[in-house]
Amino acid sequence: MTADIFQDWLLQLDRTYHKKNRRILLFIDNCIAHNSIPLMNNVKVIFIPPKTSGQDPSWAKIRT
C-alpha cells in the first residue's frame, strides 16, 4: 500500500462515518504508508507502539 492510497482510504472512511453521524477510533501500526494522516472529523487515528503484537492488547487500555 502507498501513502496516497492509504490517505484516500482514510478520507473515504471519514466521509462514510460523517454521513452516518458517527465517529470511530482507528488503531494503526507504524507502516511507512501511514506516515501522513489527513485532518479528519469523524476518524481519529491512534498509532500502536512499535513492535507490539496484535495478540497483546495491553497497550489499548482506554480510560474513561
C-alpha atoms as a PDB file:
ATOM      1  CA  MET A   1       0.000   0.000   0.000  1.00  0.00           C
ATOM      2  CA  THR A   2       1.218   3.503  -0.750  1.00  0.00           C
ATOM      3  CA  ALA A   3       0.737   6.602   1.393  1.00  0.00           C
ATOM      4  CA  ASP A   4      -1.557   8.110  -1.266  1.00  0.00           C
ATOM      5  CA  ILE A   5      -3.815   5.054  -1.339  1.00  0.00           C
ATOM      6  CA  PHE A   6      -3.949   4.996   2.460  1.00  0.00           C
ATOM      7  CA  GLN A   7      -4.827   8.703   2.664  1.00  0.00           C
ATOM      8  CA  ASP A   8      -7.571   8.295   0.053  1.00  0.00           C
ATOM      9  CA  TRP A   9      -8.957   5.336   2.008  1.00  0.00           C
ATOM     10  CA  LEU A  10      -8.919   7.302   5.270  1.00  0.00           C
ATOM     11  CA  LEU A  11     -10.717  10.268   3.702  1.00  0.00           C
ATOM     12  CA  GLN A  12     -13.362   7.966   2.228  1.00  0.00           C
ATOM     13  CA  LEU A  13     -13.774   6.320   5.642  1.00  0.00           C
ATOM     14  CA  ASP A  14     -14.181   9.754   7.215  1.00  0.00           C
ATOM     15  CA  ARG A  15     -16.871  10.709   4.669  1.00  0.00           C
ATOM     16  CA  THR A  16     -18.698   7.431   5.265  1.00  0.00           C
ATOM     17  CA  TYR A  17     -18.847   7.963   9.020  1.00  0.00           C
ATOM     18  CA  HIS A  18     -19.730  11.622   8.584  1.00  0.00           C
ATOM     19  CA  LYS A  19     -22.831  10.584   6.613  1.00  0.00           C
ATOM     20  CA  LYS A  20     -23.726   8.142   9.408  1.00  0.00           C
ATOM     21  CA  ASN A  21     -23.106  10.844  12.026  1.00  0.00           C
ATOM     22  CA  ARG A  22     -20.653   8.511  13.767  1.00  0.00           C
ATOM     23  CA  ARG A  23     -17.075   8.778  14.972  1.00  0.00           C
ATOM     24  CA  ILE A  24     -14.532   5.985  15.154  1.00  0.00           C
ATOM     25  CA  LEU A  25     -11.160   5.373  16.717  1.00  0.00           C
ATOM     26  CA  LEU A  26      -8.744   3.574  14.375  1.00  0.00           C
ATOM     27  CA  PHE A  27      -5.606   1.859  15.679  1.00  0.00           C
ATOM     28  CA  ILE A  28      -2.848   1.520  13.078  1.00  0.00           C
ATOM     29  CA  ASP A  29       0.756   0.371  13.033  1.00  0.00           C
ATOM     30  CA  ASN A  30       3.811   2.387  12.076  1.00  0.00           C
ATOM     31  CA  CYS A  31       3.982   1.241   8.433  1.00  0.00           C
ATOM     32  CA  ILE A  32       5.742   3.767   6.178  1.00  0.00           C
ATOM     33  CA  ALA A  33       2.484   4.250   4.237  1.00  0.00           C
ATOM     34  CA  HIS A  34       0.897   5.596   7.426  1.00  0.00           C
ATOM     35  CA  ASN A  35       3.334   8.497   7.794  1.00  0.00           C
ATOM     36  CA  SER A  36       0.921  11.262   6.775  1.00  0.00           C
ATOM     37  CA  ILE A  37      -2.548  11.318   8.311  1.00  0.00           C
ATOM     38  CA  PRO A  38      -5.012  13.831   6.819  1.00  0.00           C
ATOM     39  CA  LEU A  39      -7.177  16.029   9.014  1.00  0.00           C
ATOM     40  CA  MET A  40     -10.488  14.299   9.650  1.00  0.00           C
ATOM     41  CA  ASN A  41     -13.547  14.972  11.763  1.00  0.00           C
ATOM     42  CA  ASN A  42     -15.045  11.527  12.185  1.00  0.00           C
ATOM     43  CA  VAL A  43     -11.976   9.281  12.290  1.00  0.00           C
ATOM     44  CA  LYS A  44      -9.330   9.564  14.991  1.00  0.00           C
ATOM     45  CA  VAL A  45      -6.118   7.654  14.368  1.00  0.00           C
ATOM     46  CA  ILE A  46      -4.003   6.212  17.166  1.00  0.00           C
ATOM     47  CA  PHE A  47      -0.627   4.623  16.421  1.00  0.00           C
ATOM     48  CA  ILE A  48       0.075   1.397  18.262  1.00  0.00           C
ATOM     49  CA  PRO A  49       3.533   1.191  19.848  1.00  0.00           C
ATOM     50  CA  PRO A  50       6.320  -0.231  17.659  1.00  0.00           C
ATOM     51  CA  LYS A  51       6.939  -3.974  17.892  1.00  0.00           C
ATOM     52  CA  THR A  52       3.575  -4.532  19.559  1.00  0.00           C
ATOM     53  CA  SER A  53       1.819  -7.759  18.782  1.00  0.00           C
ATOM     54  CA  GLY A  54      -1.823  -7.672  17.740  1.00  0.00           C
ATOM     55  CA  GLN A  55      -2.162 -10.584  20.160  1.00  0.00           C
ATOM     56  CA  ASP A  56      -1.296  -8.361  23.145  1.00  0.00           C
ATOM     57  CA  PRO A  57      -3.984  -5.691  23.653  1.00  0.00           C
ATOM     58  CA  SER A  58      -2.409  -4.357  26.872  1.00  0.00           C
ATOM     59  CA  TRP A  59      -1.379  -1.168  25.022  1.00  0.00           C
ATOM     60  CA  ALA A  60      -5.020  -0.445  24.129  1.00  0.00           C
ATOM     61  CA  LYS A  61      -6.485   0.187  27.554  1.00  0.00           C
ATOM     62  CA  ILE A  62      -8.936   3.022  27.176  1.00  0.00           C
ATOM     63  CA  ARG A  63      -9.550   5.251  30.152  1.00  0.00           C
ATOM     64  CA  THR A  64     -12.912   6.931  30.550  1.00  0.00           C
END
